């Protein structure tokens, strides 16, 4: 019975964001140019799409036999055997370096105006090259709700795409190697960003694979949630509302 729920959730992940989300974003870009208030409505829809599967997963945990430990909501349990000691420690080292870089930008932007301005200019250059600028917040209300979207994604995406999906794929396909499982989970995560174009599907798939590797090595999604939060929070350094806060 539980495996049916696994399949239903995986089907949802393969269809909602990659298909419905893609076409809904096209409609959104047409509407938002005439009605800027559409951004807030669209942001709320994104949050609902993330919280619904997350709550379903929590519901399965409450019903059993799925547990919080199965989906990585537990303390760190270092595993150097599954992917090999050398590779595991290398990945963890890269993760620690990225964590320290994020802390550097977070703290540095608050104590150094020069560093803050440099970071904001780099963000603006990246935004100018982006193909999905319509989704970015503009008004004060946009920025407020966008903050909730960012924090929601940091928590729910780790639950869904790392904790649940890796466990479900391992359960449904026990004969597959761990590497195939990790690549599949990363690819599904990348597909959730189909609206951003092929390039960003590839980029987010690679990020998803790196996070999946960290998850296997750490045995917990909690550090990944923190890292995901930091990435989203540092990305808001240029937010004028935050600057005034």
C-alpha atoms as a PDB file:
ATOM      1  CA  UNK A   1       0.000   0.000   0.000  1.00  0.00           C
ATOM      2  CA  UNK A   2       2.766   2.422   0.931  1.00  0.00           C
ATOM      3  CA  UNK A   3       4.526   1.806  -2.384  1.00  0.00           C
ATOM      4  CA  UNK A   4       1.421   3.060  -4.197  1.00  0.00           C
ATOM      5  CA  UNK A   5       1.849   6.373  -2.375  1.00  0.00           C
ATOM      6  CA  UNK A   6       5.502   6.431  -3.394  1.00  0.00           C
ATOM      7  CA  UNK A   7       4.519   6.011  -7.037  1.00  0.00           C
ATOM      8  CA  UNK A   8       1.793   8.671  -6.799  1.00  0.00           C
ATOM      9  CA  UNK A   9       4.203  11.180  -5.307  1.00  0.00           C
ATOM     10  CA  UNK A  10       6.870  10.419  -7.899  1.00  0.00           C
ATOM     11  CA  UNK A  11       4.274  10.820 -10.653  1.00  0.00           C
ATOM     12  CA  UNK A  12       3.304  14.177  -9.146  1.00  0.00           C
ATOM     13  CA  UNK A  13       6.955  15.273  -9.143  1.00  0.00           C
ATOM     14  CA  UNK A  14       7.348  14.223 -12.787  1.00  0.00           C
ATOM     15  CA  UNK A  15       4.203  15.959 -14.001  1.00  0.00           C
ATOM     16  CA  UNK A  16       3.327  18.961 -11.861  1.00  0.00           C
ATOM     17  CA  UNK A  17       6.400  21.184 -12.041  1.00  0.00           C
ATOM     18  CA  UNK A  18       8.015  19.856 -15.255  1.00  0.00           C
ATOM     19  CA  UNK A  19       4.770  19.979 -17.275  1.00  0.00           C
ATOM     20  CA  UNK A  20       2.044  22.019 -15.576  1.00  0.00           C
ATOM     21  CA  UNK A  21       4.603  24.333 -13.963  1.00  0.00           C
ATOM     22  CA  UNK A  22       6.261  25.020 -17.305  1.00  0.00           C
ATOM     23  CA  UNK A  23       3.052  26.057 -19.080  1.00  0.00           C
ATOM     24  CA  UNK A  24       1.747  27.905 -16.024  1.00  0.00           C
ATOM     25  CA  UNK A  25       4.949  29.966 -15.978  1.00  0.00           C
ATOM     26  CA  UNK A  26       4.415  30.918 -19.631  1.00  0.00           C
ATOM     27  CA  UNK A  27       0.926  32.159 -18.752  1.00  0.00           C
ATOM     28  CA  UNK A  28       2.314  33.957 -15.722  1.00  0.00           C
ATOM     29  CA  UNK A  29       4.913  35.883 -17.763  1.00  0.00           C
ATOM     30  CA  UNK A  30       2.167  37.105 -20.090  1.00  0.00           C
ATOM     31  CA  UNK A  31      -0.091  38.178 -17.222  1.00  0.00           C
ATOM     32  CA  UNK A  32       2.491  39.774 -14.928  1.00  0.00           C
ATOM     33  CA  UNK A  33       3.537  42.367 -17.511  1.00  0.00           C
ATOM     34  CA  UNK A  34       0.015  43.761 -17.398  1.00  0.00           C
ATOM     35  CA  UNK A  35      -0.781  42.920 -13.785  1.00  0.00           C
ATOM     36  CA  UNK A  36       2.293  43.095 -11.508  1.00  0.00           C
ATOM     37  CA  UNK A  37       0.238  41.854  -8.548  1.00  0.00           C
ATOM     38  CA  UNK A  38       0.252  38.450 -10.243  1.00  0.00           C
ATOM     39  CA  UNK A  39       3.681  37.792  -8.737  1.00  0.00           C
ATOM     40  CA  UNK A  40       2.303  37.391  -5.220  1.00  0.00           C
ATOM     41  CA  UNK A  41      -0.400  35.002  -6.430  1.00  0.00           C
ATOM     42  CA  UNK A  42       2.194  32.995  -8.344  1.00  0.00           C
ATOM     43  CA  UNK A  43       4.518  32.861  -5.321  1.00  0.00           C
ATOM     44  CA  UNK A  44       1.702  31.479  -3.178  1.00  0.00           C
ATOM     45  CA  UNK A  45       1.011  28.820  -5.801  1.00  0.00           C
ATOM     46  CA  UNK A  46       4.684  27.794  -5.679  1.00  0.00           C
ATOM     47  CA  UNK A  47       4.537  27.412  -1.906  1.00  0.00           C
ATOM     48  CA  UNK A  48       1.364  25.313  -2.076  1.00  0.00           C
ATOM     49  CA  UNK A  49       3.013  23.050  -4.691  1.00  0.00           C
ATOM     50  CA  UNK A  50       5.938  22.494  -2.302  1.00  0.00           C
ATOM     51  CA  UNK A  51       3.986  22.094   0.915  1.00  0.00           C
ATOM     52  CA  UNK A  52       1.358  19.654  -0.404  1.00  0.00           C
ATOM     53  CA  UNK A  53       3.812  16.791  -1.194  1.00  0.00           C
ATOM     54  CA  UNK A  54       5.791  17.599   1.963  1.00  0.00           C
ATOM     55  CA  UNK A  55       2.685  17.247   4.121  1.00  0.00           C
ATOM     56  CA  UNK A  56       1.770  14.035   2.290  1.00  0.00           C
ATOM     57  CA  UNK A  57       5.226  12.680   3.153  1.00  0.00           C
ATOM     58  CA  UNK A  58       4.771  13.663   6.800  1.00  0.00           C
ATOM     59  CA  UNK A  59       1.359  11.963   6.681  1.00  0.00           C
ATOM     60  CA  UNK A  60       2.998   8.744   5.479  1.00  0.00           C
ATOM     61  CA  UNK A  61       5.452   8.989   8.369  1.00  0.00           C
ATOM     62  CA  UNK A  62       2.591   9.308  10.842  1.00  0.00           C
ATOM     63  CA  UNK A  63       0.820   6.304   9.288  1.00  0.00           C
ATOM     64  CA  UNK A  64       4.015   4.217   9.125  1.00  0.00           C
ATOM     65  CA  UNK A  65       6.037   2.217   8.327  1.00  0.00           C
ATOM     66  CA  UNK A  66       7.920   5.197   6.810  1.00  0.00           C
ATOM     67  CA  UNK A  67       9.873   7.008   9.534  1.00  0.00           C
ATOM     68  CA  UNK A  68      11.593  10.363   9.914  1.00  0.00           C
ATOM     69  CA  UNK A  69      14.927   8.533   9.933  1.00  0.00           C
ATOM     70  CA  UNK A  70      14.048   7.010   6.535  1.00  0.00           C
ATOM     71  CA  UNK A  71      13.697  10.501   5.042  1.00  0.00           C
ATOM     72  CA  UNK A  72      16.814  11.843   6.717  1.00  0.00           C
ATOM     73  CA  UNK A  73      15.229  13.843   9.525  1.00  0.00           C
ATOM     74  CA  UNK A  74      17.753  12.652  12.080  1.00  0.00           C
ATOM     75  CA  UNK A  75      21.150  13.404  13.532  1.00  0.00           C
ATOM     76  CA  UNK A  76      24.290  13.182  11.412  1.00  0.00           C
ATOM     77  CA  UNK A  77      25.525   9.619  10.910  1.00  0.00           C
ATOM     78  CA  UNK A  78      28.685   9.811   8.823  1.00  0.00           C
ATOM     79  CA  UNK A  79      28.760   7.130   6.117  1.00  0.00           C
ATOM     80  CA  UNK A  80      32.056   6.789   4.262  1.00  0.00           C
ATOM     81  CA  UNK A  81      31.419   3.285   2.948  1.00  0.00           C
ATOM     82  CA  UNK A  82      28.495   3.714   0.540  1.00  0.00           C
ATOM     83  CA  UNK A  83      30.299   6.105  -1.817  1.00  0.00           C
ATOM     84  CA  UNK A  84      33.826   5.372  -0.630  1.00  0.00           C
ATOM     85  CA  UNK A  85      35.936   7.262   1.961  1.00  0.00           C
ATOM     86  CA  UNK A  86      37.942   9.373  -0.502  1.00  0.00           C
ATOM     87  CA  UNK A  87      34.936  10.562  -2.490  1.00  0.00           C
ATOM     88  CA  UNK A  88      32.796  11.122   0.602  1.00  0.00           C
ATOM     89  CA  UNK A  89      35.408  13.245   2.373  1.00  0.00           C
ATOM     90  CA  UNK A  90      36.086  15.194  -0.817  1.00  0.00           C
ATOM     91  CA  UNK A  91      32.366  16.002  -1.220  1.00  0.00           C
ATOM     92  CA  UNK A  92      32.069  16.955   2.440  1.00  0.00           C
ATOM     93  CA  UNK A  93      35.131  19.181   2.071  1.00  0.00           C
ATOM     94  CA  UNK A  94      33.551  20.966  -0.900  1.00  0.00           C
ATOM     95  CA  UNK A  95      30.365  21.354   1.144  1.00  0.00           C
ATOM     96  CA  UNK A  96      32.269  22.887   4.068  1.00  0.00           C
ATOM     97  CA  UNK A  97      34.093  25.288   1.724  1.00  0.00           C
ATOM     98  CA  UNK A  98      30.786  26.413   0.215  1.00  0.00           C
ATOM     99  CA  UNK A  99      29.328  26.838   3.691  1.00  0.00           C
ATOM    100  CA  UNK A 100      32.273  29.030   4.736  1.00  0.00           C
ATOM    101  CA  UNK A 101      32.014  31.102   1.543  1.00  0.00           C
ATOM    102  CA  UNK A 102      28.319  31.725   2.227  1.00  0.00           C
ATOM    103  CA  UNK A 103      29.088  32.753   5.812  1.00  0.00           C
ATOM    104  CA  UNK A 104      31.826  35.049   4.502  1.00  0.00           C
ATOM    105  CA  UNK A 105      29.412  36.828   2.144  1.00  0.00           C
ATOM    106  CA  UNK A 106      26.685  36.932   4.769  1.00  0.00           C
ATOM    107  CA  UNK A 107      28.894  38.477   7.460  1.00  0.00           C
ATOM    108  CA  UNK A 108      31.061  40.480   5.062  1.00  0.00           C
ATOM    109  CA  UNK A 109      28.084  42.152   3.421  1.00  0.00           C
ATOM    110  CA  UNK A 110      27.032  43.457   6.825  1.00  0.00           C
ATOM    111  CA  UNK A 111      30.404  44.860   7.861  1.00  0.00           C
ATOM    112  CA  UNK A 112      31.810  45.950   4.498  1.00  0.00           C
ATOM    113  CA  UNK A 113      29.854  48.258   2.201  1.00  0.00           C
ATOM    114  CA  UNK A 114      32.405  47.633  -0.546  1.00  0.00           C
ATOM    115  CA  UNK A 115      31.893  43.872  -0.435  1.00  0.00           C
ATOM    116  CA  UNK A 116      28.124  44.331  -0.283  1.00  0.00           C
ATOM    117  CA  UNK A 117      28.085  46.578  -3.342  1.00  0.00           C
ATOM    118  CA  UNK A 118      30.387  44.227  -5.227  1.00  0.00           C
ATOM    119  CA  UNK A 119      28.099  41.297  -4.456  1.00  0.00           C
ATOM    120  CA  UNK A 120      24.977  43.224  -5.470  1.00  0.00           C
ATOM    121  CA  UNK A 121      26.571  44.256  -8.783  1.00  0.00           C
ATOM    122  CA  UNK A 122      27.465  40.626  -9.495  1.00  0.00           C
ATOM    123  CA  UNK A 123      23.863  39.637  -8.746  1.00  0.00           C
ATOM    124  CA  UNK A 124      22.551  42.300 -11.113  1.00  0.00           C
ATOM    125  CA  UNK A 125      24.843  41.109 -13.925  1.00  0.00           C
ATOM    126  CA  UNK A 126      23.587  37.559 -13.471  1.00  0.00           C
ATOM    127  CA  UNK A 127      19.991  38.771 -13.419  1.00  0.00           C
ATOM    128  CA  UNK A 128      20.463  40.659 -16.675  1.00  0.00           C
ATOM    129  CA  UNK A 129      21.583  37.417 -18.350  1.00  0.00           C
ATOM    130  CA  UNK A 130      18.702  35.450 -16.844  1.00  0.00           C
ATOM    131  CA  UNK A 131      15.812  34.272 -19.027  1.00  0.00           C
ATOM    132  CA  UNK A 132      13.314  34.232 -16.159  1.00  0.00           C
ATOM    133  CA  UNK A 133      13.539  37.742 -14.717  1.00  0.00           C
ATOM    134  CA  UNK A 134       9.735  38.059 -14.667  1.00  0.00           C
ATOM    135  CA  UNK A 135       9.558  35.884 -11.574  1.00  0.00           C
ATOM    136  CA  UNK A 136      11.891  38.074  -9.515  1.00  0.00           C
ATOM    137  CA  UNK A 137      10.277  40.311  -6.864  1.00  0.00           C
ATOM    138  CA  UNK A 138       9.796  44.000  -7.588  1.00  0.00           C
ATOM    139  CA  UNK A 139       7.437  45.573  -5.046  1.00  0.00           C
ATOM    140  CA  UNK A 140       7.738  45.525  -1.264  1.00  0.00           C
ATOM    141  CA  UNK A 141       4.934  42.956  -1.072  1.00  0.00           C
ATOM    142  CA  UNK A 142       6.662  40.819  -3.721  1.00  0.00           C
ATOM    143  CA  UNK A 143       9.859  40.765  -1.672  1.00  0.00           C
ATOM    144  CA  UNK A 144       8.016  39.890   1.518  1.00  0.00           C
ATOM    145  CA  UNK A 145       6.265  36.871  -0.014  1.00  0.00           C
ATOM    146  CA  UNK A 146       9.386  35.906  -1.992  1.00  0.00           C
ATOM    147  CA  UNK A 147      11.181  35.547   1.350  1.00  0.00           C
ATOM    148  CA  UNK A 148       8.593  32.961   2.376  1.00  0.00           C
ATOM    149  CA  UNK A 149       9.099  31.157  -0.943  1.00  0.00           C
ATOM    150  CA  UNK A 150      12.849  31.009  -0.371  1.00  0.00           C
ATOM    151  CA  UNK A 151      12.540  29.623   3.144  1.00  0.00           C
ATOM    152  CA  UNK A 152       9.828  27.186   2.054  1.00  0.00           C
ATOM    153  CA  UNK A 153      12.040  25.837  -0.735  1.00  0.00           C
ATOM    154  CA  UNK A 154      14.999  25.376   1.606  1.00  0.00           C
ATOM    155  CA  UNK A 155      12.990  23.079   3.858  1.00  0.00           C
ATOM    156  CA  UNK A 156      10.518  21.311   1.567  1.00  0.00           C
ATOM    157  CA  UNK A 157      12.836  20.600  -1.370  1.00  0.00           C
ATOM    158  CA  UNK A 158      15.275  18.754   0.881  1.00  0.00           C
ATOM    159  CA  UNK A 159      12.432  16.708   2.370  1.00  0.00           C
ATOM    160  CA  UNK A 160      10.993  15.901  -1.070  1.00  0.00           C
ATOM    161  CA  UNK A 161      13.959  15.481  -3.406  1.00  0.00           C
ATOM    162  CA  UNK A 162      16.633  14.205  -1.056  1.00  0.00           C
ATOM    163  CA  UNK A 163      14.957  12.618   1.968  1.00  0.00           C
ATOM    164  CA  UNK A 164      11.849  11.095   0.401  1.00  0.00           C
ATOM    165  CA  UNK A 165      12.797  10.587  -3.245  1.00  0.00           C
ATOM    166  CA  UNK A 166      16.091   8.796  -2.594  1.00  0.00           C
ATOM    167  CA  UNK A 167      14.397   6.495  -0.067  1.00  0.00           C
ATOM    168  CA  UNK A 168      11.428   5.822  -2.383  1.00  0.00           C
ATOM    169  CA  UNK A 169      13.617   5.060  -5.405  1.00  0.00           C
ATOM    170  CA  UNK A 170      15.812   2.766  -3.318  1.00  0.00           C
ATOM    171  CA  UNK A 171      12.715   0.930  -2.048  1.00  0.00           C
ATOM    172  CA  UNK A 172      11.039   0.641  -5.456  1.00  0.00           C
ATOM    173  CA  UNK A 173      14.231  -0.296  -7.331  1.00  0.00           C
ATOM    174  CA  UNK A 174      16.415  -2.218  -4.840  1.00  0.00           C
ATOM    175  CA  UNK A 175      18.598  -3.649  -7.615  1.00  0.00           C
ATOM    176  CA  UNK A 176      19.740  -0.230  -8.863  1.00  0.00           C
ATOM    177  CA  UNK A 177      23.127   1.062  -7.755  1.00  0.00           C
ATOM    178  CA  UNK A 178      23.222   4.001  -5.375  1.00  0.00           C
ATOM    179  CA  UNK A 179      24.769   6.158  -8.092  1.00  0.00           C
ATOM    180  CA  UNK A 180      21.844   5.585 -10.451  1.00  0.00           C
ATOM    181  CA  UNK A 181      19.450   6.400  -7.607  1.00  0.00           C
ATOM    182  CA  UNK A 182      21.292   9.656  -6.866  1.00  0.00           C
ATOM    183  CA  UNK A 183      21.389  10.654 -10.542  1.00  0.00           C
ATOM    184  CA  UNK A 184      17.667   9.928 -10.951  1.00  0.00           C
ATOM    185  CA  UNK A 185      16.767  11.959  -7.864  1.00  0.00           C
ATOM    186  CA  UNK A 186      18.949  14.834  -9.074  1.00  0.00           C
ATOM    187  CA  UNK A 187      17.381  14.719 -12.537  1.00  0.00           C
ATOM    188  CA  UNK A 188      13.850  14.866 -11.102  1.00  0.00           C
ATOM    189  CA  UNK A 189      14.974  17.862  -9.026  1.00  0.00           C
ATOM    190  CA  UNK A 190      16.339  19.486 -12.176  1.00  0.00           C
ATOM    191  CA  UNK A 191      13.069  18.864 -14.027  1.00  0.00           C
ATOM    192  CA  UNK A 192      11.254  20.886 -11.364  1.00  0.00           C
ATOM    193  CA  UNK A 193      13.072  23.895 -12.878  1.00  0.00           C
ATOM    194  CA  UNK A 194      12.007  23.230 -16.481  1.00  0.00           C
ATOM    195  CA  UNK A 195      10.458  26.697 -16.698  1.00  0.00           C
ATOM    196  CA  UNK A 196      13.981  28.146 -16.346  1.00  0.00           C
ATOM    197  CA  UNK A 197      15.183  26.531 -19.569  1.00  0.00           C
ATOM    198  CA  UNK A 198      17.396  23.570 -20.450  1.00  0.00           C
ATOM    199  CA  UNK A 199      20.567  25.213 -19.144  1.00  0.00           C
ATOM    200  CA  UNK A 200      19.147  25.661 -15.664  1.00  0.00           C
ATOM    201  CA  UNK A 201      17.659  22.159 -15.651  1.00  0.00           C
ATOM    202  CA  UNK A 202      21.215  20.874 -16.128  1.00  0.00           C
ATOM    203  CA  UNK A 203      22.620  23.277 -13.534  1.00  0.00           C
ATOM    204  CA  UNK A 204      20.027  22.456 -10.864  1.00  0.00           C
ATOM    205  CA  UNK A 205      20.396  18.735 -11.616  1.00  0.00           C
ATOM    206  CA  UNK A 206      24.113  19.012 -10.870  1.00  0.00           C
ATOM    207  CA  UNK A 207      23.375  20.932  -7.670  1.00  0.00           C
ATOM    208  CA  UNK A 208      20.817  18.270  -6.771  1.00  0.00           C
ATOM    209  CA  UNK A 209      23.401  15.532  -7.366  1.00  0.00           C
ATOM    210  CA  UNK A 210      25.910  17.296  -5.126  1.00  0.00           C
ATOM    211  CA  UNK A 211      23.303  17.667  -2.375  1.00  0.00           C
ATOM    212  CA  UNK A 212      22.328  13.998  -2.788  1.00  0.00           C
ATOM    213  CA  UNK A 213      25.969  12.968  -2.381  1.00  0.00           C
ATOM    214  CA  UNK A 214      26.239  15.082   0.769  1.00  0.00           C
ATOM    215  CA  UNK A 215      23.055  13.490   2.075  1.00  0.00           C
ATOM    216  CA  UNK A 216      24.421   9.971   1.651  1.00  0.00           C
ATOM    217  CA  UNK A 217      27.685  10.949   3.326  1.00  0.00           C
ATOM    218  CA  UNK A 218      26.030  12.723   6.253  1.00  0.00           C
ATOM    219  CA  UNK A 219      23.009  10.436   6.671  1.00  0.00           C
ATOM    220  CA  UNK A 220      20.879  13.486   7.448  1.00  0.00           C
ATOM    221  CA  UNK A 221      19.104  16.210   5.487  1.00  0.00           C
ATOM    222  CA  UNK A 222      19.308  18.683   8.370  1.00  0.00           C
ATOM    223  CA  UNK A 223      22.739  20.109   7.351  1.00  0.00           C
ATOM    224  CA  UNK A 224      21.434  20.336   3.768  1.00  0.00           C
ATOM    225  CA  UNK A 225      18.437  22.349   4.906  1.00  0.00           C
ATOM    226  CA  UNK A 226      20.805  24.771   6.649  1.00  0.00           C
ATOM    227  CA  UNK A 227      23.016  25.006   3.545  1.00  0.00           C
ATOM    228  CA  UNK A 228      19.957  25.500   1.313  1.00  0.00           C
ATOM    229  CA  UNK A 229      18.678  28.230   3.644  1.00  0.00           C
ATOM    230  CA  UNK A 230      22.045  29.985   3.526  1.00  0.00           C
ATOM    231  CA  UNK A 231      22.150  29.909  -0.279  1.00  0.00           C
ATOM    232  CA  UNK A 232      18.694  31.484  -0.465  1.00  0.00           C
ATOM    233  CA  UNK A 233      19.439  34.008   2.282  1.00  0.00           C
ATOM    234  CA  UNK A 234      22.728  35.158   0.780  1.00  0.00           C
ATOM    235  CA  UNK A 235      20.894  35.511  -2.515  1.00  0.00           C
ATOM    236  CA  UNK A 236      18.750  38.169  -0.822  1.00  0.00           C
ATOM    237  CA  UNK A 237      21.690  40.400   0.152  1.00  0.00           C
ATOM    238  CA  UNK A 238      20.761  42.849  -2.582  1.00  0.00           C
ATOM    239  CA  UNK A 239      17.189  43.160  -1.372  1.00  0.00           C
ATOM    240  CA  UNK A 240      16.635  46.800  -0.488  1.00  0.00           C
ATOM    241  CA  UNK A 241      14.042  45.868   2.098  1.00  0.00           C
ATOM    242  CA  UNK A 242      16.634  43.790   3.923  1.00  0.00           C
ATOM    243  CA  UNK A 243      19.150  46.599   3.615  1.00  0.00           C
ATOM    244  CA  UNK A 244      16.807  48.915   5.470  1.00  0.00           C
ATOM    245  CA  UNK A 245      16.076  46.255   8.139  1.00  0.00           C
END
